[in-house]
N, C-alpha and C. Protein backbone atom coordinates (compact mmCIF):
# COMPACT_ATOMS: atom_id res chain seq x y z
N MET A 1 0.91 -1.23 0.03
CA MET A 1 0.01 0.03 0.09
C MET A 1 0.95 1.17 -0.09
N GLN A 2 0.55 2.23 -0.70
CA GLN A 2 1.20 3.53 -0.75
C GLN A 2 0.24 4.76 -0.77
N LYS A 3 0.75 5.77 -0.32
CA LYS A 3 -0.07 7.01 -0.37
C LYS A 3 -0.15 7.41 -1.74
N ILE A 4 -1.40 7.88 -2.13
CA ILE A 4 -1.68 8.20 -3.53
C ILE A 4 -2.34 9.50 -3.53
N PHE A 5 -2.65 10.07 -4.67
CA PHE A 5 -3.29 11.22 -4.97
C PHE A 5 -4.66 10.87 -5.63
N LEU A 6 -5.54 11.85 -5.66
CA LEU A 6 -6.86 11.53 -6.33
C LEU A 6 -6.75 11.73 -7.94
N THR A 7 -6.24 10.69 -8.36
CA THR A 7 -5.96 10.75 -9.89
C THR A 7 -7.24 10.35 -10.63
N SER A 8 -7.27 10.51 -12.03
CA SER A 8 -8.42 9.97 -12.71
C SER A 8 -8.65 8.53 -12.52
N GLU A 9 -7.55 7.80 -12.48
CA GLU A 9 -7.76 6.38 -12.22
C GLU A 9 -8.38 6.05 -10.80
N ALA A 10 -7.94 6.83 -9.84
CA ALA A 10 -8.61 6.65 -8.39
C ALA A 10 -10.15 7.01 -8.53
N LYS A 11 -10.48 8.17 -9.25
CA LYS A 11 -11.84 8.48 -9.35
C LYS A 11 -12.69 7.44 -10.08
N ALA A 12 -12.06 6.85 -11.14
CA ALA A 12 -12.72 5.80 -11.87
C ALA A 12 -13.07 4.58 -11.13
N LEU A 13 -12.10 4.24 -10.21
CA LEU A 13 -12.33 3.09 -9.29
C LEU A 13 -13.47 3.48 -8.25
N LEU A 14 -13.41 4.58 -7.65
CA LEU A 14 -14.53 5.06 -6.76
C LEU A 14 -15.83 5.08 -7.46
N ARG A 15 -15.85 5.66 -8.66
CA ARG A 15 -17.09 5.61 -9.47
C ARG A 15 -17.57 4.15 -9.69
N GLN A 16 -16.69 3.30 -10.13
CA GLN A 16 -17.05 1.91 -10.40
C GLN A 16 -17.69 1.26 -9.11
N CYS A 17 -17.22 1.61 -7.93
CA CYS A 17 -17.73 1.14 -6.68
C CYS A 17 -18.99 1.94 -6.13
N ASN A 18 -19.44 2.96 -6.83
CA ASN A 18 -20.46 3.77 -6.43
C ASN A 18 -20.29 4.51 -5.16
N LEU A 19 -18.97 5.06 -5.04
CA LEU A 19 -18.71 5.78 -3.80
C LEU A 19 -18.43 7.30 -4.21
N PRO A 20 -18.81 8.21 -3.29
CA PRO A 20 -18.72 9.49 -3.62
C PRO A 20 -17.29 10.08 -3.46
N PHE A 21 -16.92 11.09 -4.37
CA PHE A 21 -15.51 11.55 -4.22
C PHE A 21 -15.64 13.09 -4.57
N LYS A 22 -16.70 13.63 -4.77
CA LYS A 22 -16.80 15.10 -5.18
C LYS A 22 -16.22 16.03 -4.19
N ASP A 23 -16.19 15.57 -2.85
CA ASP A 23 -15.49 16.43 -1.87
C ASP A 23 -14.07 16.14 -1.64
N LEU A 24 -13.49 15.17 -2.27
CA LEU A 24 -12.03 14.86 -2.03
C LEU A 24 -11.08 15.85 -2.71
N PRO A 25 -11.23 16.39 -3.93
CA PRO A 25 -10.27 17.34 -4.44
C PRO A 25 -10.27 18.53 -3.56
N GLY A 26 -8.91 18.80 -3.04
CA GLY A 26 -8.67 19.97 -2.26
C GLY A 26 -8.96 19.75 -0.77
N ASN A 27 -9.45 18.53 -0.46
CA ASN A 27 -9.70 18.15 1.04
C ASN A 27 -8.33 17.97 1.58
N LYS A 28 -7.90 18.90 2.47
CA LYS A 28 -6.58 18.75 3.10
C LYS A 28 -6.62 17.80 4.32
N TRP A 29 -7.87 17.26 4.67
CA TRP A 29 -7.86 16.37 5.84
C TRP A 29 -7.78 14.97 5.41
N ILE A 30 -7.78 14.65 4.13
CA ILE A 30 -7.95 13.31 3.60
C ILE A 30 -6.58 12.82 3.14
N ASN A 31 -6.32 11.54 3.62
CA ASN A 31 -5.16 10.82 3.22
C ASN A 31 -5.65 9.52 2.50
N LEU A 32 -5.16 9.41 1.21
CA LEU A 32 -5.68 8.29 0.42
C LEU A 32 -4.33 7.20 0.34
N PHE A 33 -4.77 5.93 0.31
CA PHE A 33 -3.76 4.90 0.20
C PHE A 33 -4.34 3.98 -0.90
N GLY A 34 -3.43 3.41 -1.75
CA GLY A 34 -3.75 2.67 -2.86
C GLY A 34 -2.95 1.35 -2.86
N ALA A 35 -3.59 0.39 -3.52
CA ALA A 35 -2.87 -0.92 -3.75
C ALA A 35 -2.74 -1.00 -5.19
N LEU A 36 -1.52 -1.21 -5.69
CA LEU A 36 -1.25 -1.32 -7.14
C LEU A 36 -0.76 -2.73 -7.55
N GLN A 37 -1.14 -3.03 -8.73
CA GLN A 37 -0.69 -4.36 -9.24
C GLN A 37 -0.27 -4.02 -10.71
N GLU A 38 1.07 -4.27 -10.94
CA GLU A 38 1.65 -3.83 -12.23
C GLU A 38 1.18 -2.47 -12.66
N ASP A 39 1.39 -1.51 -11.71
CA ASP A 39 1.17 -0.10 -11.96
C ASP A 39 -0.26 0.23 -12.07
N GLU A 40 -1.13 -0.69 -12.00
CA GLU A 40 -2.63 -0.43 -12.05
C GLU A 40 -3.22 -0.35 -10.66
N LEU A 41 -3.98 0.59 -10.38
CA LEU A 41 -4.70 0.80 -9.07
C LEU A 41 -5.84 -0.19 -8.99
N ILE A 42 -5.78 -1.08 -7.97
CA ILE A 42 -6.76 -2.07 -7.79
C ILE A 42 -7.42 -1.92 -6.50
N GLY A 43 -7.04 -1.04 -5.67
CA GLY A 43 -7.82 -0.81 -4.35
C GLY A 43 -7.35 0.58 -3.77
N ILE A 44 -8.31 1.08 -3.03
CA ILE A 44 -8.08 2.42 -2.44
C ILE A 44 -8.87 2.53 -1.15
N ILE A 45 -8.30 3.22 -0.27
CA ILE A 45 -9.01 3.62 1.02
C ILE A 45 -8.48 5.00 1.51
N GLY A 46 -9.30 5.57 2.32
CA GLY A 46 -8.93 6.84 2.72
C GLY A 46 -9.32 7.10 4.06
N ILE A 47 -8.60 8.09 4.81
CA ILE A 47 -8.89 8.41 6.20
C ILE A 47 -8.93 9.94 6.16
N GLU A 48 -9.98 10.55 6.69
CA GLU A 48 -10.13 11.97 6.81
C GLU A 48 -9.86 12.30 8.35
N VAL A 49 -8.90 13.02 8.55
CA VAL A 49 -8.28 13.14 9.96
C VAL A 49 -8.86 14.36 10.53
N TYR A 50 -9.38 14.19 11.81
CA TYR A 50 -9.80 15.18 12.72
C TYR A 50 -9.26 15.12 14.05
N GLY A 51 -7.99 15.45 14.22
CA GLY A 51 -7.35 15.29 15.39
C GLY A 51 -7.08 13.86 15.87
N LYS A 52 -7.63 13.50 16.96
CA LYS A 52 -7.47 12.05 17.38
C LYS A 52 -8.60 11.15 16.84
N THR A 53 -9.48 11.66 15.92
CA THR A 53 -10.46 10.94 15.38
C THR A 53 -10.41 10.94 13.86
N GLY A 54 -10.72 9.76 13.19
CA GLY A 54 -10.54 9.69 11.85
C GLY A 54 -11.90 9.13 11.18
N LEU A 55 -12.22 9.57 10.00
CA LEU A 55 -13.24 9.00 9.27
C LEU A 55 -12.73 8.14 8.19
N LEU A 56 -12.93 6.87 8.26
CA LEU A 56 -12.61 5.86 7.21
C LEU A 56 -13.57 5.95 6.07
N ARG A 57 -12.90 6.11 4.81
CA ARG A 57 -13.91 6.28 3.70
C ARG A 57 -13.25 5.85 2.48
N SER A 58 -14.05 5.72 1.48
CA SER A 58 -13.49 5.39 0.07
C SER A 58 -12.84 4.14 -0.02
N LEU A 59 -13.30 3.10 0.70
CA LEU A 59 -12.78 1.71 0.54
C LEU A 59 -13.28 1.13 -0.81
N ALA A 60 -12.55 1.01 -1.75
CA ALA A 60 -12.96 0.39 -3.01
C ALA A 60 -11.90 -0.56 -3.55
N VAL A 61 -12.48 -1.71 -4.01
CA VAL A 61 -11.66 -2.74 -4.63
C VAL A 61 -12.20 -3.10 -6.13
N ALA A 62 -11.23 -3.07 -7.01
CA ALA A 62 -11.68 -3.51 -8.28
C ALA A 62 -12.39 -4.71 -8.27
N GLU A 63 -13.48 -4.82 -9.09
CA GLU A 63 -14.37 -6.00 -9.08
C GLU A 63 -13.67 -7.29 -9.30
N GLU A 64 -12.61 -7.33 -10.20
CA GLU A 64 -11.96 -8.59 -10.55
C GLU A 64 -10.94 -8.83 -9.36
N GLN A 65 -10.78 -8.08 -8.51
CA GLN A 65 -9.82 -8.31 -7.36
C GLN A 65 -10.42 -8.69 -6.04
N ARG A 66 -11.83 -8.72 -6.05
CA ARG A 66 -12.50 -8.99 -4.91
C ARG A 66 -12.52 -10.47 -4.42
N GLY A 67 -12.63 -10.71 -3.14
CA GLY A 67 -12.53 -12.03 -2.70
C GLY A 67 -11.21 -12.65 -2.36
N TYR A 68 -10.15 -11.84 -2.43
CA TYR A 68 -8.88 -12.19 -2.17
C TYR A 68 -8.16 -11.60 -0.92
N GLY A 69 -8.96 -10.87 -0.14
CA GLY A 69 -8.45 -10.25 1.10
C GLY A 69 -8.01 -8.81 0.93
N LEU A 70 -7.95 -8.20 -0.34
CA LEU A 70 -7.48 -6.92 -0.41
C LEU A 70 -8.25 -5.90 0.29
N GLY A 71 -9.50 -5.92 0.41
CA GLY A 71 -10.22 -4.99 1.32
C GLY A 71 -9.88 -5.05 2.65
N ARG A 72 -9.77 -6.21 3.23
CA ARG A 72 -9.24 -6.35 4.57
C ARG A 72 -7.86 -5.87 4.74
N GLY A 73 -7.02 -5.96 3.81
CA GLY A 73 -5.63 -5.51 3.90
C GLY A 73 -5.54 -3.95 3.84
N LEU A 74 -6.42 -3.41 3.00
CA LEU A 74 -6.53 -1.94 2.92
C LEU A 74 -6.99 -1.34 4.27
N VAL A 75 -8.04 -1.96 4.84
CA VAL A 75 -8.47 -1.48 6.15
C VAL A 75 -7.40 -1.69 7.23
N THR A 76 -6.73 -2.85 7.23
CA THR A 76 -5.60 -3.01 8.24
C THR A 76 -4.52 -1.94 8.03
N HIS A 77 -4.18 -1.67 6.80
CA HIS A 77 -3.16 -0.64 6.57
C HIS A 77 -3.66 0.77 7.04
N ALA A 78 -4.81 1.04 6.84
CA ALA A 78 -5.37 2.39 7.22
C ALA A 78 -5.52 2.42 8.80
N GLU A 79 -5.72 1.32 9.39
CA GLU A 79 -5.76 1.35 10.89
C GLU A 79 -4.39 1.48 11.40
N GLU A 80 -3.42 0.82 10.94
CA GLU A 80 -2.00 0.90 11.36
C GLU A 80 -1.56 2.45 11.09
N TRP A 81 -1.84 2.98 10.00
CA TRP A 81 -1.43 4.29 9.74
C TRP A 81 -2.12 5.30 10.71
N ALA A 82 -3.36 4.95 11.01
CA ALA A 82 -4.03 5.81 11.97
C ALA A 82 -3.51 5.76 13.32
N ALA A 83 -3.13 4.53 13.83
CA ALA A 83 -2.43 4.41 15.10
C ALA A 83 -1.19 5.13 15.25
N GLU A 84 -0.44 5.00 14.07
CA GLU A 84 0.87 5.64 14.10
C GLU A 84 0.76 7.15 14.08
N SER A 85 -0.32 7.62 13.65
CA SER A 85 -0.66 9.10 13.45
C SER A 85 -1.32 9.72 14.68
N GLY A 86 -1.58 8.87 15.64
CA GLY A 86 -2.22 9.38 16.92
C GLY A 86 -3.72 9.30 16.96
N ILE A 87 -4.20 8.74 15.84
CA ILE A 87 -5.75 8.67 15.87
C ILE A 87 -6.21 7.56 16.86
N GLN A 88 -7.25 7.85 17.63
CA GLN A 88 -7.59 6.92 18.63
C GLN A 88 -8.93 6.26 18.33
N SER A 89 -9.63 6.73 17.40
CA SER A 89 -10.93 6.07 16.94
C SER A 89 -11.14 6.46 15.50
N LEU A 90 -11.63 5.38 14.91
CA LEU A 90 -12.13 5.45 13.41
C LEU A 90 -13.57 5.24 13.30
N TRP A 91 -14.22 6.08 12.53
CA TRP A 91 -15.65 6.17 12.25
C TRP A 91 -15.84 5.83 10.75
N LEU A 92 -17.01 5.32 10.29
CA LEU A 92 -17.29 5.17 9.00
C LEU A 92 -18.83 5.10 8.70
N LEU A 93 -19.20 5.47 7.66
CA LEU A 93 -20.72 5.39 7.21
C LEU A 93 -20.73 4.39 6.01
N THR A 94 -21.65 3.50 6.04
CA THR A 94 -21.77 2.55 4.98
C THR A 94 -23.24 2.18 4.73
N GLU A 95 -23.54 2.02 3.37
CA GLU A 95 -24.92 1.47 3.00
C GLU A 95 -24.92 0.05 2.77
N THR A 96 -23.78 -0.60 2.44
CA THR A 96 -23.63 -1.91 1.88
C THR A 96 -22.71 -2.81 2.68
N ALA A 97 -21.85 -2.40 3.41
CA ALA A 97 -20.72 -3.20 3.89
C ALA A 97 -20.67 -3.36 5.42
N SER A 98 -21.74 -3.24 6.11
CA SER A 98 -21.71 -3.20 7.49
C SER A 98 -21.23 -4.62 8.07
N ALA A 99 -21.66 -5.75 7.39
CA ALA A 99 -21.25 -7.06 7.81
C ALA A 99 -19.79 -7.15 7.65
N PHE A 100 -19.22 -6.71 6.53
CA PHE A 100 -17.72 -6.75 6.32
C PHE A 100 -17.00 -6.08 7.38
N PHE A 101 -17.44 -4.82 7.85
CA PHE A 101 -16.73 -4.07 8.86
C PHE A 101 -17.03 -4.63 10.22
N GLU A 102 -18.13 -5.30 10.50
CA GLU A 102 -18.33 -5.93 11.79
C GLU A 102 -17.24 -7.05 11.99
N LYS A 103 -16.99 -7.83 11.02
CA LYS A 103 -16.01 -8.86 10.96
C LYS A 103 -14.53 -8.28 11.32
N LEU A 104 -14.38 -7.05 11.12
CA LEU A 104 -13.12 -6.32 11.35
C LEU A 104 -13.15 -5.56 12.69
N GLY A 105 -14.12 -5.75 13.47
CA GLY A 105 -14.24 -5.18 14.87
C GLY A 105 -14.97 -3.79 14.91
N TYR A 106 -15.63 -3.41 13.90
CA TYR A 106 -16.36 -2.02 13.85
C TYR A 106 -17.77 -2.40 14.54
N THR A 107 -18.22 -1.46 15.28
CA THR A 107 -19.55 -1.61 15.79
C THR A 107 -20.55 -0.61 15.44
N SER A 108 -21.68 -0.94 15.15
CA SER A 108 -22.73 0.02 14.74
C SER A 108 -23.12 0.89 15.87
N THR A 109 -23.40 2.08 15.54
CA THR A 109 -23.79 3.02 16.64
C THR A 109 -24.79 4.14 16.06
N GLN A 110 -25.43 4.80 16.98
CA GLN A 110 -26.39 5.80 16.53
C GLN A 110 -25.61 7.04 15.93
N ARG A 111 -26.22 7.65 14.93
CA ARG A 111 -25.55 8.78 14.29
C ARG A 111 -25.33 9.93 15.19
N SER A 112 -26.16 10.01 16.16
CA SER A 112 -26.11 11.07 17.16
C SER A 112 -24.90 10.96 18.01
N SER A 113 -24.25 9.74 18.07
CA SER A 113 -23.10 9.49 18.98
C SER A 113 -21.78 9.79 18.37
N ALA A 114 -21.83 10.18 17.03
CA ALA A 114 -20.58 10.46 16.35
C ALA A 114 -20.05 11.75 16.97
N PRO A 115 -18.66 11.86 17.01
CA PRO A 115 -18.13 13.10 17.46
C PRO A 115 -18.45 14.35 16.59
N GLU A 116 -18.47 15.49 17.11
CA GLU A 116 -18.91 16.62 16.41
C GLU A 116 -18.13 16.76 14.99
N SER A 117 -16.82 16.56 15.16
CA SER A 117 -16.01 16.74 13.99
C SER A 117 -16.52 15.78 12.79
N ILE A 118 -16.98 14.55 13.11
CA ILE A 118 -17.52 13.67 12.11
C ILE A 118 -18.84 14.22 11.70
N GLN A 119 -19.65 14.62 12.46
CA GLN A 119 -21.02 15.06 12.12
C GLN A 119 -21.03 16.31 11.22
N HIS A 120 -19.92 17.05 11.31
CA HIS A 120 -19.73 18.24 10.51
C HIS A 120 -18.98 17.93 9.09
N SER A 121 -18.58 16.77 8.94
CA SER A 121 -17.95 16.40 7.65
C SER A 121 -18.90 16.27 6.52
N THR A 122 -18.43 16.66 5.38
CA THR A 122 -19.33 16.53 4.22
C THR A 122 -19.76 15.12 3.95
N GLN A 123 -19.05 14.14 4.17
CA GLN A 123 -19.55 12.74 4.17
C GLN A 123 -20.79 12.54 5.01
N PHE A 124 -20.69 13.08 6.24
CA PHE A 124 -21.76 12.75 7.18
C PHE A 124 -23.02 13.63 6.85
N LYS A 125 -22.80 14.89 6.54
CA LYS A 125 -23.89 15.87 6.35
C LYS A 125 -24.51 15.77 5.02
N ASP A 126 -23.71 15.54 3.88
CA ASP A 126 -24.24 15.65 2.67
C ASP A 126 -24.21 14.45 1.80
N LEU A 127 -23.16 13.61 1.78
CA LEU A 127 -22.91 12.62 0.85
C LEU A 127 -23.63 11.18 1.16
N CYS A 128 -23.59 10.85 2.44
CA CYS A 128 -24.25 9.64 2.94
C CYS A 128 -25.71 9.89 3.46
N PRO A 129 -26.56 9.16 2.82
CA PRO A 129 -27.92 9.35 3.45
C PRO A 129 -28.13 8.96 4.83
N ALA A 130 -29.23 9.38 5.40
CA ALA A 130 -29.54 9.04 6.85
C ALA A 130 -29.64 7.63 7.09
N SER A 131 -29.98 6.83 5.96
CA SER A 131 -30.02 5.31 6.09
C SER A 131 -28.72 4.62 6.26
N ALA A 132 -27.61 5.33 5.92
CA ALA A 132 -26.33 4.76 6.11
C ALA A 132 -25.99 4.41 7.50
N VAL A 133 -25.43 3.25 7.68
CA VAL A 133 -25.04 2.78 9.11
C VAL A 133 -23.67 3.43 9.41
N LEU A 134 -23.69 3.95 10.78
CA LEU A 134 -22.48 4.56 11.31
C LEU A 134 -21.92 3.48 12.19
N MET A 135 -20.57 3.36 11.93
CA MET A 135 -19.79 2.30 12.68
C MET A 135 -18.57 2.99 13.27
N SER A 136 -17.99 2.37 14.35
CA SER A 136 -16.74 2.96 14.91
C SER A 136 -15.97 1.86 15.47
N LYS A 137 -14.60 2.14 15.69
CA LYS A 137 -13.68 1.19 16.25
C LYS A 137 -12.62 1.99 17.02
N THR A 138 -12.20 1.57 18.14
CA THR A 138 -11.11 2.15 18.92
C THR A 138 -9.86 1.68 18.32
N ILE A 139 -8.86 2.51 18.04
CA ILE A 139 -7.73 2.18 17.63
C ILE A 139 -6.63 2.35 18.67
N SER A 140 -5.73 1.24 18.82
CA SER A 140 -4.63 1.39 19.86
C SER A 140 -3.36 1.46 19.10
N SER A 141 -2.40 2.23 19.63
CA SER A 141 -1.05 2.43 18.98
C SER A 141 -0.09 1.37 19.52
């Protein structure tokens, strides 16, 4: 995994996975990481940093690469980076992957329990519908 920029290739992968990215260009709080295979982007994940809190977002794996553990590897990499960066908790919103994240130790919670910084994020306020599941996980360094 390596730190990446929001390239046209990254946008295409996010679009393929029906994930929003309109707020990513110029977002100084987001850190994106990608998995490459023969110089082709096959997976991406991001963390939007708010002090000791992070918003995990933009987990996307190319369709032909699914089922091999890449998604789990991307989340693990993001969590390790978060811990090394002093982030103590990760939050996420999902419409389709709550079972996947539960297997990785994330717990569903009420939207009202999200930290204020997360509630004020574009992802929380505008991009994810109220029906999206809010999940969190404590990160240890």
